[in-house]
C-alpha atoms as a PDB file:
ATOM      1  CA  UNK A   1      67.608  -8.034  20.098  1.00  0.00           C
ATOM      2  CA  UNK A   2      67.560  -4.308  20.844  1.00  0.00           C
ATOM      3  CA  UNK A   3      67.660  -0.957  19.074  1.00  0.00           C
ATOM      4  CA  UNK A   4      68.900   2.534  19.901  1.00  0.00           C
ATOM      5  CA  UNK A   5      66.573   5.525  20.007  1.00  0.00           C
ATOM      6  CA  UNK A   6      67.674   9.171  20.218  1.00  0.00           C
ATOM      7  CA  UNK A   7      65.246  11.067  22.468  1.00  0.00           C
ATOM      8  CA  UNK A   8      64.884  14.832  22.844  1.00  0.00           C
ATOM      9  CA  UNK A   9      63.030  15.744  26.036  1.00  0.00           C
ATOM     10  CA  UNK A  10      61.350  19.153  26.390  1.00  0.00           C
ATOM     11  CA  UNK A  11      60.560  19.552  30.092  1.00  0.00           C
ATOM     12  CA  UNK A  12      61.318  23.133  31.062  1.00  0.00           C
ATOM     13  CA  UNK A  13      64.794  22.634  29.655  1.00  0.00           C
ATOM     14  CA  UNK A  14      65.805  20.559  26.656  1.00  0.00           C
ATOM     15  CA  UNK A  15      67.855  17.422  27.136  1.00  0.00           C
ATOM     16  CA  UNK A  16      68.892  14.730  24.717  1.00  0.00           C
ATOM     17  CA  UNK A  17      69.911  11.143  25.212  1.00  0.00           C
ATOM     18  CA  UNK A  18      70.179   7.871  23.394  1.00  0.00           C
ATOM     19  CA  UNK A  19      68.621   4.802  24.993  1.00  0.00           C
ATOM     20  CA  UNK A  20      68.649   1.153  24.103  1.00  0.00           C
ATOM     21  CA  UNK A  21      65.283  -0.603  24.097  1.00  0.00           C
ATOM     22  CA  UNK A  22      63.953  -3.992  23.068  1.00  0.00           C
ATOM     23  CA  UNK A  23      63.094  -4.383  19.389  1.00  0.00           C
ATOM     24  CA  UNK A  24      59.438  -4.971  20.406  1.00  0.00           C
ATOM     25  CA  UNK A  25      59.245  -2.062  22.895  1.00  0.00           C
ATOM     26  CA  UNK A  26      56.245   0.236  23.024  1.00  0.00           C
ATOM     27  CA  UNK A  27      56.346   3.970  23.700  1.00  0.00           C
ATOM     28  CA  UNK A  28      55.117   3.166  27.209  1.00  0.00           C
ATOM     29  CA  UNK A  29      58.131   0.854  27.672  1.00  0.00           C
ATOM     30  CA  UNK A  30      60.391   3.687  26.520  1.00  0.00           C
ATOM     31  CA  UNK A  31      58.907   6.087  29.082  1.00  0.00           C
ATOM     32  CA  UNK A  32      59.332   3.462  31.807  1.00  0.00           C
ATOM     33  CA  UNK A  33      62.990   3.038  30.809  1.00  0.00           C
ATOM     34  CA  UNK A  34      63.448   6.801  31.156  1.00  0.00           C
ATOM     35  CA  UNK A  35      61.507   6.898  34.473  1.00  0.00           C
ATOM     36  CA  UNK A  36      58.997   9.365  33.010  1.00  0.00           C
ATOM     37  CA  UNK A  37      55.366   9.371  34.168  1.00  0.00           C
ATOM     38  CA  UNK A  38      53.301   8.728  31.028  1.00  0.00           C
ATOM     39  CA  UNK A  39      50.459  10.916  32.294  1.00  0.00           C
ATOM     40  CA  UNK A  40      52.626  14.047  32.147  1.00  0.00           C
ATOM     41  CA  UNK A  41      54.022  13.878  28.601  1.00  0.00           C
ATOM     42  CA  UNK A  42      53.284  13.440  24.914  1.00  0.00           C
ATOM     43  CA  UNK A  43      55.556  11.325  22.749  1.00  0.00           C
ATOM     44  CA  UNK A  44      56.032  12.755  19.274  1.00  0.00           C
ATOM     45  CA  UNK A  45      57.312  10.991  16.181  1.00  0.00           C
ATOM     46  CA  UNK A  46      57.968  13.458  13.362  1.00  0.00           C
ATOM     47  CA  UNK A  47      55.875  16.063  15.183  1.00  0.00           C
ATOM     48  CA  UNK A  48      52.839  13.771  15.526  1.00  0.00           C
ATOM     49  CA  UNK A  49      51.615  12.354  18.831  1.00  0.00           C
ATOM     50  CA  UNK A  50      51.769   8.567  19.043  1.00  0.00           C
ATOM     51  CA  UNK A  51      49.685   6.115  21.106  1.00  0.00           C
ATOM     52  CA  UNK A  52      51.658   4.847  24.103  1.00  0.00           C
ATOM     53  CA  UNK A  53      50.735   1.231  23.385  1.00  0.00           C
ATOM     54  CA  UNK A  54      52.156   1.479  19.856  1.00  0.00           C
ATOM     55  CA  UNK A  55      55.488  -0.081  18.918  1.00  0.00           C
ATOM     56  CA  UNK A  56      58.467   2.276  18.704  1.00  0.00           C
ATOM     57  CA  UNK A  57      59.204   2.479  14.987  1.00  0.00           C
ATOM     58  CA  UNK A  58      61.575   5.429  14.782  1.00  0.00           C
ATOM     59  CA  UNK A  59      65.137   6.054  15.905  1.00  0.00           C
ATOM     60  CA  UNK A  60      64.421   9.734  16.748  1.00  0.00           C
ATOM     61  CA  UNK A  61      61.614  10.836  19.090  1.00  0.00           C
ATOM     62  CA  UNK A  62      60.581  13.917  21.038  1.00  0.00           C
ATOM     63  CA  UNK A  63      59.033  13.813  24.489  1.00  0.00           C
ATOM     64  CA  UNK A  64      57.079  16.943  25.384  1.00  0.00           C
ATOM     65  CA  UNK A  65      56.071  17.660  28.960  1.00  0.00           C
ATOM     66  CA  UNK A  66      52.444  18.730  29.197  1.00  0.00           C
ATOM     67  CA  UNK A  67      51.632  21.505  31.657  1.00  0.00           C
ATOM     68  CA  UNK A  68      48.089  21.951  32.899  1.00  0.00           C
ATOM     69  CA  UNK A  69      46.567  24.163  35.500  1.00  0.00           C
ATOM     70  CA  UNK A  70      43.903  26.619  36.235  1.00  0.00           C
END
């Protein structure tokens, strides 16, 4: 069984897409599906960061690219 998740990605520009993931998918699984390196982003659910090993429990998420440097 699977579910659909609407994802807004903020990575320099804003893009949106809907992906289908397994009912038991984690946020890490979602990032892998989108081919996004988990070390470069935060996943937000309702504006709050979520642990990557947690189960996806929302149908709308935001992925925010994290920029670091010196």
